[in-house]
Protein backbone atom coordinates (compact mmCIF):
# COMPACT_ATOMS: atom_id res chain seq x y z
CA MET A 1 92.25 -124.59 78.18
CA ASN A 2 93.86 -126.63 80.98
CA THR A 3 92.63 -125.71 84.44
CA ALA A 4 93.18 -128.71 86.68
CA SER A 5 95.64 -131.53 87.29
CA CYS A 6 94.86 -135.22 87.64
CA GLU A 7 94.74 -136.23 91.30
CA LYS A 8 96.59 -139.47 90.54
CA CYS A 9 99.27 -138.69 87.97
CA GLY A 10 99.39 -134.86 87.84
CA THR A 11 98.61 -134.56 84.12
CA GLN A 12 96.98 -131.26 83.17
CA LEU A 13 93.32 -131.90 82.36
CA PRO A 14 91.09 -130.14 79.85
CA GLU A 15 88.07 -128.43 81.45
CA ASP A 16 85.61 -130.90 79.96
CA ALA A 17 87.59 -134.08 80.82
CA LEU A 18 85.59 -136.76 82.60
CA PHE A 19 88.61 -139.08 82.80
CA CYS A 20 92.35 -138.41 82.80
CA PRO A 21 93.71 -139.05 79.29
CA LYS A 22 96.96 -140.42 80.73
CA CYS A 23 95.96 -142.74 83.62
CA GLY A 24 92.18 -143.11 83.13
CA VAL A 25 91.13 -142.03 86.63
CA ARG A 26 87.78 -140.26 86.87
CA THR A 27 88.14 -136.49 87.26
CA PRO A 28 86.22 -134.34 89.75
CA LYS A 29 83.93 -133.36 86.84
CA GLY A 30 83.39 -137.05 86.02
CA ARG A 31 82.51 -137.79 89.65
CA LYS A 32 80.22 -134.75 89.84
CA GLU A 33 78.37 -135.93 86.73
CA ASN A 34 78.34 -139.47 88.15
CA VAL A 35 79.94 -140.96 85.02
CA ARG A 36 80.60 -144.67 85.47
CA PRO A 37 84.03 -145.90 84.52
CA PRO A 38 83.81 -148.36 81.60
CA TRP A 39 85.35 -151.19 83.61
CA GLU A 40 82.40 -151.22 86.04
CA ASP A 41 80.21 -152.80 83.34
CA VAL A 42 82.91 -155.37 82.64
CA LEU A 43 83.23 -156.15 86.35
CA ALA A 44 79.47 -156.69 86.63
CA ASP A 45 79.59 -159.18 83.73
CA VAL A 46 82.60 -160.96 85.23
CA ARG A 47 80.89 -161.23 88.62
CA GLU A 48 77.85 -162.85 86.98
CA GLU A 49 80.07 -165.35 85.13
CA ILE A 50 81.96 -166.18 88.31
CA ASP A 51 78.71 -166.68 90.23
CA ARG A 52 77.43 -169.08 87.55
CA ALA A 53 80.72 -170.99 87.46
CA VAL A 54 80.91 -171.29 91.25
CA SER A 55 77.31 -172.47 91.43
CA ALA A 56 77.95 -175.13 88.79
CA ALA A 57 81.15 -176.21 90.55
CA PHE A 58 79.34 -176.60 93.87
CA LYS A 59 76.70 -178.79 92.22
CA GLU A 60 79.41 -181.02 90.76
CA ILE A 61 81.20 -181.18 94.11
CA GLU A 62 77.96 -182.21 95.82
CA LYS A 63 77.46 -184.98 93.27
CA GLY A 64 81.04 -186.17 93.77
CA LEU A 65 80.69 -186.13 97.54
CA GLU A 66 77.50 -188.17 97.34
CA ILE A 67 79.22 -190.77 95.14
CA ALA A 68 82.23 -190.84 97.49
CA LYS A 69 79.93 -191.26 100.50
CA LYS A 70 78.25 -194.28 98.88
CA GLU A 71 81.59 -195.81 97.88
CA ILE A 72 83.02 -195.33 101.37
CA GLY A 73 79.88 -196.84 102.87
CA ARG A 74 80.17 -199.84 100.57
CA ALA A 75 83.91 -200.24 101.23
CA THR A 76 83.51 -200.07 105.00
CA SER A 77 80.36 -202.16 105.18
CA LYS A 78 80.47 -205.12 107.56
CA ARG A 79 78.20 -207.17 105.30
CA MET A 80 79.52 -209.97 103.18
CA VAL A 81 79.42 -209.22 99.47
CA VAL A 82 77.79 -211.85 97.27
CA CYS A 83 78.93 -212.18 93.66
CA GLN A 84 76.04 -211.86 91.20
CA ALA A 85 77.85 -214.09 88.69
CA CYS A 86 78.78 -217.12 90.81
CA GLY A 87 77.12 -216.57 94.20
CA GLU A 88 80.42 -216.73 96.13
CA ALA A 89 80.49 -214.63 99.32
CA SER A 90 83.47 -212.31 99.60
CA SER A 91 84.71 -210.31 102.56
CA PRO A 92 83.32 -206.83 103.30
CA GLY A 93 84.89 -204.14 101.12
CA ALA A 94 85.97 -206.60 98.41
CA ARG A 95 85.81 -205.15 94.92
CA PHE A 96 86.34 -208.40 93.04
CA CYS A 97 84.92 -211.86 93.66
CA ARG A 98 87.34 -214.24 95.33
CA GLY A 99 85.68 -217.15 93.52
CA CYS A 100 85.46 -216.03 89.88
CA GLY A 101 87.37 -212.70 89.84
CA LYS A 102 84.51 -210.63 88.42
CA LYS A 103 84.02 -207.11 89.61
CA LEU A 104 81.51 -206.90 92.44
């Protein structure tokens, strides 16, 4: 026995319907009985996954920023760089020895 129409799509609803069979919206009876739509559980799981992923991404970004900070500090340092292989002093910010060519 159909007694009501869906508020969203107008489909006639059976008396005992908690959700519209056509569009899935919760019916007044479903709201009255406080029935949770099935996608709410999925959304809760997705939110948890997103929170974990964002947290992990921030940790990786922090690590990368710390490495970049050290590299920038080394590249902009006013100190002469001394080669461990040959002892030659190279200009600040040099990445390779001007004497032997090894990486500093």
